[in-house]
Amino acid sequence: MTPTLVRNLRDADPSAPADAGTRARDWAEIQERMLAPLYEAVYDRLEVGAATRMLSLGCGSGLAMLVAAARGAHVTGVDSDRERLALARARLLPDEGAEGAPAHRARLHDSGLPAGVGADGAPYDLITVFEPIGCAAGDSEGLVPTLESALPLAARGATVVLTGWGPPERCATAPVLRVAARLAESTRPPRPGGWRPTLRDDLEDVAARAGLKPDGSGRVSCPFGYADPDSAVRGLLSTGLFDAAVRATDRSQVEKEVAEALHPYRRPDGTVWMPNVFRYLVCTT
């Protein structure tokens, strides 16, 4: 499965700061689907289906949950970004509150982990973290305590999947992400959160600190494809990986330099294509 080229149809000032709602829509409409091959590869390997009770940590606007639900899985999602979660709710619970709407088709939480086990009374047998780590300094710091809080909701021997960026030499997006580090470091002292090279054992380190047992891994090709440079800039900035750079300079400067960094990946027809590899680690509790 390859990402669909997405054109941004909204007419907006590209130099204006993005509000939370615009940023969430950019993520949902442009960027999130770039990771669809990763979701599918994990679900194929784990044979996700009607017997699966999945807890998605950092579920975003819900595409990974939607793919799992289409396979029959019982899905619960948690995310602190209320704008993204509202889009997930529109995707997964379009008839919420309507008479005759199916109960417990999916559950979404924006104020921490669910208070109990899955919707059918059984513990979760799959916990996923599909927000890739490994390309921003400190991007895994909050993940270990989150996992430690979630594990009591899982069955004994449940599966936990962690995901991360692949080696920089296999990710065409890595040079573009270096723009974030350079701009973030333009202040003195440098602002935290800039890009840093992916380390070989990033996922294994998180698993060890959370008390998880690695049980296999895989790599998945996730090319980033955009209909035009403007869509590419909006999609990339929606990831949050450029936030420190925006705070250090301003959004228009970051957009300009990201657009320049995209030049090597522009095709003659104006589209932007960046091959990337992402990695996943399968663990057990």
C-alpha atoms as a PDB file:
ATOM      1  CA  MET A   1       0.000   0.000   0.000  1.00  0.00           C
ATOM      2  CA  THR A   2       1.441   3.374  -0.980  1.00  0.00           C
ATOM      3  CA  PRO A   3       0.362   6.800   0.259  1.00  0.00           C
ATOM      4  CA  THR A   4      -2.018   8.829  -1.839  1.00  0.00           C
ATOM      5  CA  LEU A   5      -0.719  12.106  -3.177  1.00  0.00           C
ATOM      6  CA  VAL A   6      -2.699  14.761  -1.341  1.00  0.00           C
ATOM      7  CA  ARG A   7      -3.301  18.301  -2.530  1.00  0.00           C
ATOM      8  CA  ASN A   8      -4.123  20.977   0.008  1.00  0.00           C
ATOM      9  CA  LEU A   9      -7.288  22.649  -1.239  1.00  0.00           C
ATOM     10  CA  ARG A  10      -7.658  25.310   1.440  1.00  0.00           C
ATOM     11  CA  ASP A  11      -6.821  28.853   0.442  1.00  0.00           C
ATOM     12  CA  ALA A  12      -4.762  30.237   3.308  1.00  0.00           C
ATOM     13  CA  ASP A  13      -1.814  32.509   3.920  1.00  0.00           C
ATOM     14  CA  PRO A  14       1.116  30.033   4.078  1.00  0.00           C
ATOM     15  CA  SER A  15       3.111  32.358   6.323  1.00  0.00           C
ATOM     16  CA  ALA A  16       0.376  32.678   8.942  1.00  0.00           C
ATOM     17  CA  PRO A  17       0.786  30.689  12.159  1.00  0.00           C
ATOM     18  CA  ALA A  18      -1.341  27.549  12.069  1.00  0.00           C
ATOM     19  CA  ASP A  19      -3.970  27.271  14.778  1.00  0.00           C
ATOM     20  CA  ALA A  20      -4.547  23.942  16.508  1.00  0.00           C
ATOM     21  CA  GLY A  21      -7.518  23.056  14.331  1.00  0.00           C
ATOM     22  CA  THR A  22      -5.703  23.758  11.056  1.00  0.00           C
ATOM     23  CA  ARG A  23      -2.674  21.808  12.187  1.00  0.00           C
ATOM     24  CA  ALA A  24      -4.809  18.809  13.175  1.00  0.00           C
ATOM     25  CA  ARG A  25      -6.570  18.851   9.806  1.00  0.00           C
ATOM     26  CA  ASP A  26      -3.234  19.051   8.003  1.00  0.00           C
ATOM     27  CA  TRP A  27      -2.152  15.960   9.926  1.00  0.00           C
ATOM     28  CA  ALA A  28      -5.345  14.054   9.196  1.00  0.00           C
ATOM     29  CA  GLU A  29      -5.745  15.098   5.560  1.00  0.00           C
ATOM     30  CA  ILE A  30      -2.123  15.162   4.416  1.00  0.00           C
ATOM     31  CA  GLN A  31       0.389  13.456   6.688  1.00  0.00           C
ATOM     32  CA  GLU A  32      -1.215  10.657   8.692  1.00  0.00           C
ATOM     33  CA  ARG A  33      -1.835   8.375   5.734  1.00  0.00           C
ATOM     34  CA  MET A  34       1.891   8.267   4.971  1.00  0.00           C
ATOM     35  CA  LEU A  35       2.175   5.760   7.835  1.00  0.00           C
ATOM     36  CA  ALA A  36      -0.635   3.521   6.562  1.00  0.00           C
ATOM     37  CA  PRO A  37       1.821   0.880   5.244  1.00  0.00           C
ATOM     38  CA  LEU A  38       3.253   0.650   8.778  1.00  0.00           C
ATOM     39  CA  TYR A  39      -0.194   0.045  10.272  1.00  0.00           C
ATOM     40  CA  GLU A  40      -1.027  -2.595   7.703  1.00  0.00           C
ATOM     41  CA  ALA A  41       2.298  -4.430   8.114  1.00  0.00           C
ATOM     42  CA  VAL A  42       1.901  -4.614  11.894  1.00  0.00           C
ATOM     43  CA  TYR A  43      -1.706  -5.780  11.676  1.00  0.00           C
ATOM     44  CA  ASP A  44      -0.842  -8.412   9.081  1.00  0.00           C
ATOM     45  CA  ARG A  45       1.983  -9.768  11.220  1.00  0.00           C
ATOM     46  CA  LEU A  46      -0.165  -9.889  14.363  1.00  0.00           C
ATOM     47  CA  GLU A  47      -3.286 -11.130  12.530  1.00  0.00           C
ATOM     48  CA  VAL A  48      -5.406  -8.344  13.984  1.00  0.00           C
ATOM     49  CA  GLY A  49      -9.086  -9.211  13.689  1.00  0.00           C
ATOM     50  CA  ALA A  50     -12.340  -9.686  15.540  1.00  0.00           C
ATOM     51  CA  ALA A  51     -10.633 -11.276  18.546  1.00  0.00           C
ATOM     52  CA  THR A  52      -8.291  -8.300  19.025  1.00  0.00           C
ATOM     53  CA  ARG A  53      -8.814  -5.795  21.826  1.00  0.00           C
ATOM     54  CA  MET A  54      -6.511  -2.906  21.001  1.00  0.00           C
ATOM     55  CA  LEU A  55      -5.437   0.134  23.007  1.00  0.00           C
ATOM     56  CA  SER A  56      -3.842   2.813  20.804  1.00  0.00           C
ATOM     57  CA  LEU A  57      -1.611   5.249  22.710  1.00  0.00           C
ATOM     58  CA  GLY A  58      -1.242   8.582  20.928  1.00  0.00           C
ATOM     59  CA  CYS A  59      -4.000   7.609  18.519  1.00  0.00           C
ATOM     60  CA  GLY A  60      -4.030  11.012  16.792  1.00  0.00           C
ATOM     61  CA  SER A  61      -6.880  11.471  14.353  1.00  0.00           C
ATOM     62  CA  GLY A  62      -7.614   7.770  14.361  1.00  0.00           C
ATOM     63  CA  LEU A  63      -6.502   6.318  11.026  1.00  0.00           C
ATOM     64  CA  ALA A  64      -4.655   3.379  12.619  1.00  0.00           C
ATOM     65  CA  MET A  65      -7.717   2.649  14.749  1.00  0.00           C
ATOM     66  CA  LEU A  66      -9.980   2.881  11.716  1.00  0.00           C
ATOM     67  CA  VAL A  67      -7.851   0.311   9.856  1.00  0.00           C
ATOM     68  CA  ALA A  68      -7.953  -2.032  12.866  1.00  0.00           C
ATOM     69  CA  ALA A  69     -11.700  -1.552  13.322  1.00  0.00           C
ATOM     70  CA  ALA A  70     -12.228  -2.418   9.650  1.00  0.00           C
ATOM     71  CA  ARG A  71     -10.587  -5.756  10.443  1.00  0.00           C
ATOM     72  CA  GLY A  72     -13.109  -6.277  13.235  1.00  0.00           C
ATOM     73  CA  ALA A  73     -10.927  -5.285  16.199  1.00  0.00           C
ATOM     74  CA  HIS A  74     -12.313  -3.658  19.350  1.00  0.00           C
ATOM     75  CA  VAL A  75     -10.424  -0.373  19.546  1.00  0.00           C
ATOM     76  CA  THR A  76      -9.749   2.215  22.251  1.00  0.00           C
ATOM     77  CA  GLY A  77      -7.689   5.323  21.621  1.00  0.00           C
ATOM     78  CA  VAL A  78      -5.969   7.840  23.872  1.00  0.00           C
ATOM     79  CA  ASP A  79      -4.494  11.180  22.826  1.00  0.00           C
ATOM     80  CA  SER A  80      -3.841  14.481  24.579  1.00  0.00           C
ATOM     81  CA  ASP A  81      -4.390  16.513  21.373  1.00  0.00           C
ATOM     82  CA  ARG A  82      -8.092  17.309  21.539  1.00  0.00           C
ATOM     83  CA  GLU A  83      -8.233  18.662  18.004  1.00  0.00           C
ATOM     84  CA  ARG A  84      -6.854  15.444  16.548  1.00  0.00           C
ATOM     85  CA  LEU A  85      -9.091  13.408  18.836  1.00  0.00           C
ATOM     86  CA  ALA A  86     -12.150  15.303  17.611  1.00  0.00           C
ATOM     87  CA  LEU A  87     -11.272  14.239  14.069  1.00  0.00           C
ATOM     88  CA  ALA A  88     -10.832  10.650  15.285  1.00  0.00           C
ATOM     89  CA  ARG A  89     -14.255  10.819  16.872  1.00  0.00           C
ATOM     90  CA  ALA A  90     -15.775  12.025  13.595  1.00  0.00           C
ATOM     91  CA  ARG A  91     -14.122   9.104  11.779  1.00  0.00           C
ATOM     92  CA  LEU A  92     -14.844   6.344  14.268  1.00  0.00           C
ATOM     93  CA  LEU A  93     -18.064   7.521  15.905  1.00  0.00           C
ATOM     94  CA  PRO A  94     -19.911   9.503  13.223  1.00  0.00           C
ATOM     95  CA  ASP A  95     -23.292   8.605  14.709  1.00  0.00           C
ATOM     96  CA  GLU A  96     -22.338   9.073  18.355  1.00  0.00           C
ATOM     97  CA  GLY A  97     -25.396  10.031  20.356  1.00  0.00           C
ATOM     98  CA  ALA A  98     -27.812   9.229  17.543  1.00  0.00           C
ATOM     99  CA  GLU A  99     -30.699   6.898  18.228  1.00  0.00           C
ATOM    100  CA  GLY A 100     -29.795   3.384  17.195  1.00  0.00           C
ATOM    101  CA  ALA A 101     -26.061   4.115  16.946  1.00  0.00           C
ATOM    102  CA  PRO A 102     -23.942   1.027  17.719  1.00  0.00           C
ATOM    103  CA  ALA A 103     -22.636   1.009  21.277  1.00  0.00           C
ATOM    104  CA  HIS A 104     -18.968   0.557  22.130  1.00  0.00           C
ATOM    105  CA  ARG A 105     -17.830   0.417  18.512  1.00  0.00           C
ATOM    106  CA  ALA A 106     -14.801   2.425  19.601  1.00  0.00           C
ATOM    107  CA  ARG A 107     -13.760   4.369  22.659  1.00  0.00           C
ATOM    108  CA  LEU A 108     -11.726   7.574  22.715  1.00  0.00           C
ATOM    109  CA  HIS A 109     -10.148   9.352  25.675  1.00  0.00           C
ATOM    110  CA  ASP A 110      -8.508  12.767  25.922  1.00  0.00           C
ATOM    111  CA  SER A 111      -7.948  12.944  29.678  1.00  0.00           C
ATOM    112  CA  GLY A 112      -5.630  10.036  30.314  1.00  0.00           C
ATOM    113  CA  LEU A 113      -5.922   6.291  30.088  1.00  0.00           C
ATOM    114  CA  PRO A 114      -9.316   4.562  30.281  1.00  0.00           C
ATOM    115  CA  ALA A 115     -10.394   3.773  33.806  1.00  0.00           C
ATOM    116  CA  GLY A 116     -10.865   0.075  33.100  1.00  0.00           C
ATOM    117  CA  VAL A 117     -10.414  -2.689  30.592  1.00  0.00           C
ATOM    118  CA  GLY A 118     -11.840  -2.997  27.095  1.00  0.00           C
ATOM    119  CA  ALA A 119     -15.409  -2.211  26.190  1.00  0.00           C
ATOM    120  CA  ASP A 120     -16.474  -5.865  26.410  1.00  0.00           C
ATOM    121  CA  GLY A 121     -15.029  -6.319  29.906  1.00  0.00           C
ATOM    122  CA  ALA A 122     -11.862  -8.098  28.768  1.00  0.00           C
ATOM    123  CA  PRO A 123      -8.335  -6.707  29.122  1.00  0.00           C
ATOM    124  CA  TYR A 124      -6.455  -5.432  26.085  1.00  0.00           C
ATOM    125  CA  ASP A 125      -4.310  -7.945  24.253  1.00  0.00           C
ATOM    126  CA  LEU A 126      -2.621  -5.386  21.990  1.00  0.00           C
ATOM    127  CA  ILE A 127      -1.166  -1.963  22.828  1.00  0.00           C
ATOM    128  CA  THR A 128       0.174   0.121  19.953  1.00  0.00           C
ATOM    129  CA  VAL A 129       2.323   3.233  19.816  1.00  0.00           C
ATOM    130  CA  PHE A 130       2.253   4.353  16.188  1.00  0.00           C
ATOM    131  CA  GLU A 131       3.809   7.771  16.779  1.00  0.00           C
ATOM    132  CA  PRO A 132       7.377   7.029  15.617  1.00  0.00           C
ATOM    133  CA  ILE A 133      10.226   7.937  17.925  1.00  0.00           C
ATOM    134  CA  GLY A 134      13.904   8.335  17.195  1.00  0.00           C
ATOM    135  CA  CYS A 135      14.402  11.565  15.292  1.00  0.00           C
ATOM    136  CA  ALA A 136      13.921  14.283  17.912  1.00  0.00           C
ATOM    137  CA  ALA A 137      15.910  14.665  21.103  1.00  0.00           C
ATOM    138  CA  GLY A 138      13.897  13.427  24.072  1.00  0.00           C
ATOM    139  CA  ASP A 139      10.947  12.229  21.985  1.00  0.00           C
ATOM    140  CA  SER A 140      10.695   8.989  23.991  1.00  0.00           C
ATOM    141  CA  GLU A 141      10.947  10.502  27.477  1.00  0.00           C
ATOM    142  CA  GLY A 142       7.221  10.535  28.148  1.00  0.00           C
ATOM    143  CA  LEU A 143       6.602   7.173  26.527  1.00  0.00           C
ATOM    144  CA  VAL A 144       7.973   4.934  29.282  1.00  0.00           C
ATOM    145  CA  PRO A 145       5.698   6.261  32.070  1.00  0.00           C
ATOM    146  CA  THR A 146       2.742   6.131  29.683  1.00  0.00           C
ATOM    147  CA  LEU A 147       3.475   2.494  28.902  1.00  0.00           C
ATOM    148  CA  GLU A 148       3.914   1.689  32.582  1.00  0.00           C
ATOM    149  CA  SER A 149       0.481   3.186  33.280  1.00  0.00           C
ATOM    150  CA  ALA A 150      -1.129   1.290  30.396  1.00  0.00           C
ATOM    151  CA  LEU A 151       0.293  -2.162  31.080  1.00  0.00           C
ATOM    152  CA  PRO A 152      -2.047  -2.926  34.029  1.00  0.00           C
ATOM    153  CA  LEU A 153      -4.929  -2.670  31.536  1.00  0.00           C
ATOM    154  CA  ALA A 154      -3.443  -5.422  29.375  1.00  0.00           C
ATOM    155  CA  ALA A 155      -3.768  -9.173  29.627  1.00  0.00           C
ATOM    156  CA  ARG A 156      -0.802 -11.190  30.798  1.00  0.00           C
ATOM    157  CA  GLY A 157       1.431 -11.850  27.813  1.00  0.00           C
ATOM    158  CA  ALA A 158      -0.214  -9.102  25.768  1.00  0.00           C
ATOM    159  CA  THR A 159       1.559  -7.678  22.734  1.00  0.00           C
ATOM    160  CA  VAL A 160       2.983  -4.150  22.689  1.00  0.00           C
ATOM    161  CA  VAL A 161       4.153  -2.560  19.443  1.00  0.00           C
ATOM    162  CA  LEU A 162       6.601   0.354  19.411  1.00  0.00           C
ATOM    163  CA  THR A 163       7.508   2.223  16.226  1.00  0.00           C
ATOM    164  CA  GLY A 164      10.363   4.450  15.156  1.00  0.00           C
ATOM    165  CA  TRP A 165      12.126   6.065  12.237  1.00  0.00           C
ATOM    166  CA  GLY A 166      14.554   3.908  10.307  1.00  0.00           C
ATOM    167  CA  PRO A 167      18.255   4.658   9.747  1.00  0.00           C
ATOM    168  CA  PRO A 168      18.839   8.179   8.394  1.00  0.00           C
ATOM    169  CA  GLU A 169      20.498   6.771   5.283  1.00  0.00           C
ATOM    170  CA  ARG A 170      17.236   4.953   4.489  1.00  0.00           C
ATOM    171  CA  CYS A 171      15.009   7.978   5.118  1.00  0.00           C
ATOM    172  CA  ALA A 172      14.950  10.678   2.464  1.00  0.00           C
ATOM    173  CA  THR A 173      13.081  12.906   4.922  1.00  0.00           C
ATOM    174  CA  ALA A 174      16.064  13.001   7.311  1.00  0.00           C
ATOM    175  CA  PRO A 175      17.873  15.896   5.544  1.00  0.00           C
ATOM    176  CA  VAL A 176      14.642  17.906   5.627  1.00  0.00           C
ATOM    177  CA  LEU A 177      14.255  17.233   9.335  1.00  0.00           C
ATOM    178  CA  ARG A 178      17.771  18.540   9.915  1.00  0.00           C
ATOM    179  CA  VAL A 179      16.364  21.968   9.091  1.00  0.00           C
ATOM    180  CA  ALA A 180      14.446  21.720  12.359  1.00  0.00           C
ATOM    181  CA  ALA A 181      17.629  21.083  14.336  1.00  0.00           C
ATOM    182  CA  ARG A 182      19.582  23.855  12.646  1.00  0.00           C
ATOM    183  CA  LEU A 183      16.905  26.478  13.222  1.00  0.00           C
ATOM    184  CA  ALA A 184      16.194  25.339  16.781  1.00  0.00           C
ATOM    185  CA  GLU A 185      19.912  25.637  17.549  1.00  0.00           C
ATOM    186  CA  SER A 186      20.027  29.178  16.161  1.00  0.00           C
ATOM    187  CA  THR A 187      19.057  30.505  19.594  1.00  0.00           C
ATOM    188  CA  ARG A 188      21.392  30.639  22.563  1.00  0.00           C
ATOM    189  CA  PRO A 189      20.969  28.460  24.479  1.00  0.00           C
ATOM    190  CA  PRO A 190      19.542  26.098  21.825  1.00  0.00           C
ATOM    191  CA  ARG A 191      15.925  25.116  22.303  1.00  0.00           C
ATOM    192  CA  PRO A 192      15.352  21.419  23.093  1.00  0.00           C
ATOM    193  CA  GLY A 193      13.461  19.076  20.777  1.00  0.00           C
ATOM    194  CA  GLY A 194      15.476  19.383  17.563  1.00  0.00           C
ATOM    195  CA  TRP A 195      16.252  16.576  15.147  1.00  0.00           C
ATOM    196  CA  ARG A 196      18.914  14.037  16.024  1.00  0.00           C
ATOM    197  CA  PRO A 197      20.053  10.888  14.185  1.00  0.00           C
ATOM    198  CA  THR A 198      18.046   7.746  14.837  1.00  0.00           C
ATOM    199  CA  LEU A 199      19.940   5.283  17.024  1.00  0.00           C
ATOM    200  CA  ARG A 200      19.937   1.568  16.304  1.00  0.00           C
ATOM    201  CA  ASP A 201      18.487   0.560  19.675  1.00  0.00           C
ATOM    202  CA  ASP A 202      16.013   3.406  20.318  1.00  0.00           C
ATOM    203  CA  LEU A 203      13.025   1.049  20.461  1.00  0.00           C
ATOM    204  CA  GLU A 204      14.849  -1.615  22.458  1.00  0.00           C
ATOM    205  CA  ASP A 205      15.878   1.023  24.996  1.00  0.00           C
ATOM    206  CA  VAL A 206      12.266   2.077  25.540  1.00  0.00           C
ATOM    207  CA  ALA A 207      11.178  -1.562  25.824  1.00  0.00           C
ATOM    208  CA  ALA A 208      13.849  -2.287  28.434  1.00  0.00           C
ATOM    209  CA  ARG A 209      12.953   0.753  30.527  1.00  0.00           C
ATOM    210  CA  ALA A 210       9.255  -0.185  30.411  1.00  0.00           C
ATOM    211  CA  GLY A 211       9.922  -3.802  31.399  1.00  0.00           C
ATOM    212  CA  LEU A 212       8.857  -5.263  28.043  1.00  0.00           C
ATOM    213  CA  LYS A 213      10.342  -8.313  26.329  1.00  0.00           C
ATOM    214  CA  PRO A 214      11.247  -7.852  22.630  1.00  0.00           C
ATOM    215  CA  ASP A 215       9.763 -10.586  20.464  1.00  0.00           C
ATOM    216  CA  GLY A 216      10.623  -9.624  16.899  1.00  0.00           C
ATOM    217  CA  SER A 217      10.870  -6.560  14.713  1.00  0.00           C
ATOM    218  CA  GLY A 218      10.407  -5.424  11.153  1.00  0.00           C
ATOM    219  CA  ARG A 219      11.020  -2.624   8.694  1.00  0.00           C
ATOM    220  CA  VAL A 220       8.401  -1.078   6.446  1.00  0.00           C
ATOM    221  CA  SER A 221       8.705   1.240   3.464  1.00  0.00           C
ATOM    222  CA  CYS A 222       6.626   4.380   4.037  1.00  0.00           C
ATOM    223  CA  PRO A 223       7.292   6.859   1.231  1.00  0.00           C
ATOM    224  CA  PHE A 224       6.049  10.385   1.791  1.00  0.00           C
ATOM    225  CA  GLY A 225       4.246  11.501  -1.360  1.00  0.00           C
ATOM    226  CA  TYR A 226       2.698  14.937  -1.849  1.00  0.00           C
ATOM    227  CA  ALA A 227       0.891  16.537  -4.763  1.00  0.00           C
ATOM    228  CA  ASP A 228       2.929  19.749  -4.487  1.00  0.00           C
ATOM    229  CA  PRO A 229       5.542  21.447  -2.261  1.00  0.00           C
ATOM    230  CA  ASP A 230       2.935  23.442  -0.341  1.00  0.00           C
ATOM    231  CA  SER A 231       1.160  20.251   0.720  1.00  0.00           C
ATOM    232  CA  ALA A 232       4.528  18.766   1.704  1.00  0.00           C
ATOM    233  CA  VAL A 233       5.401  21.734   3.906  1.00  0.00           C
ATOM    234  CA  ARG A 234       2.001  21.735   5.601  1.00  0.00           C
ATOM    235  CA  GLY A 235       2.100  17.991   6.149  1.00  0.00           C
ATOM    236  CA  LEU A 236       5.600  17.966   7.593  1.00  0.00           C
ATOM    237  CA  LEU A 237       4.927  20.881   9.938  1.00  0.00           C
ATOM    238  CA  SER A 238       1.803  19.141  11.225  1.00  0.00           C
ATOM    239  CA  THR A 239       3.990  16.370  12.714  1.00  0.00           C
ATOM    240  CA  GLY A 240       5.268  18.610  15.516  1.00  0.00           C
ATOM    241  CA  LEU A 241       8.885  17.868  14.585  1.00  0.00           C
ATOM    242  CA  PHE A 242       9.429  21.505  13.584  1.00  0.00           C
ATOM    243  CA  ASP A 243       7.831  23.097  16.663  1.00  0.00           C
ATOM    244  CA  ALA A 244      11.141  23.951  18.325  1.00  0.00           C
ATOM    245  CA  ALA A 245      12.344  25.565  15.092  1.00  0.00           C
ATOM    246  CA  VAL A 246       9.151  27.653  14.840  1.00  0.00           C
ATOM    247  CA  ARG A 247       9.587  28.814  18.434  1.00  0.00           C
ATOM    248  CA  ALA A 248      13.235  29.691  17.789  1.00  0.00           C
ATOM    249  CA  THR A 249      12.524  31.684  14.608  1.00  0.00           C
ATOM    250  CA  ASP A 250       9.031  31.986  13.137  1.00  0.00           C
ATOM    251  CA  ARG A 251       6.716  29.831  11.054  1.00  0.00           C
ATOM    252  CA  SER A 252       7.309  31.654   7.761  1.00  0.00           C
ATOM    253  CA  GLN A 253      11.089  31.196   8.074  1.00  0.00           C
ATOM    254  CA  VAL A 254      10.675  27.481   8.806  1.00  0.00           C
ATOM    255  CA  GLU A 255       8.263  27.022   5.894  1.00  0.00           C
ATOM    256  CA  LYS A 256      10.704  28.792   3.538  1.00  0.00           C
ATOM    257  CA  GLU A 257      13.678  26.653   4.546  1.00  0.00           C
ATOM    258  CA  VAL A 258      11.711  23.406   4.508  1.00  0.00           C
ATOM    259  CA  ALA A 259      10.484  24.229   1.000  1.00  0.00           C
ATOM    260  CA  GLU A 260      14.089  24.786  -0.086  1.00  0.00           C
ATOM    261  CA  ALA A 261      15.165  21.481   1.474  1.00  0.00           C
ATOM    262  CA  LEU A 262      12.459  19.689  -0.528  1.00  0.00           C
ATOM    263  CA  HIS A 263      13.934  20.683  -3.911  1.00  0.00           C
ATOM    264  CA  PRO A 264      15.900  17.431  -4.415  1.00  0.00           C
ATOM    265  CA  TYR A 265      12.693  15.440  -3.995  1.00  0.00           C
ATOM    266  CA  ARG A 266      10.528  17.365  -6.455  1.00  0.00           C
ATOM    267  CA  ARG A 267       9.556  15.516  -9.611  1.00  0.00           C
ATOM    268  CA  PRO A 268       9.135  17.109 -13.040  1.00  0.00           C
ATOM    269  CA  ASP A 269       5.340  17.044 -12.600  1.00  0.00           C
ATOM    270  CA  GLY A 270       5.614  19.121  -9.391  1.00  0.00           C
ATOM    271  CA  THR A 271       4.942  16.286  -6.964  1.00  0.00           C
ATOM    272  CA  VAL A 272       7.231  15.567  -4.018  1.00  0.00           C
ATOM    273  CA  TRP A 273       8.391  12.010  -3.297  1.00  0.00           C
ATOM    274  CA  MET A 274      10.598  10.938  -0.381  1.00  0.00           C
ATOM    275  CA  PRO A 275      11.262   7.224   0.230  1.00  0.00           C
ATOM    276  CA  ASN A 276      11.490   6.335   3.930  1.00  0.00           C
ATOM    277  CA  VAL A 277      11.862   3.231   6.059  1.00  0.00           C
ATOM    278  CA  PHE A 278      10.207   2.891   9.461  1.00  0.00           C
ATOM    279  CA  ARG A 279      10.864   0.230  12.053  1.00  0.00           C
ATOM    280  CA  TYR A 280       8.570  -1.546  14.502  1.00  0.00           C
ATOM    281  CA  LEU A 281       9.371  -3.645  17.579  1.00  0.00           C
ATOM    282  CA  VAL A 282       6.969  -6.320  18.804  1.00  0.00           C
ATOM    283  CA  CYS A 283       7.142  -6.888  22.569  1.00  0.00           C
ATOM    284  CA  THR A 284       5.295  -8.911  25.173  1.00  0.00           C
ATOM    285  CA  THR A 285       4.308  -7.888  28.674  1.00  0.00           C
END
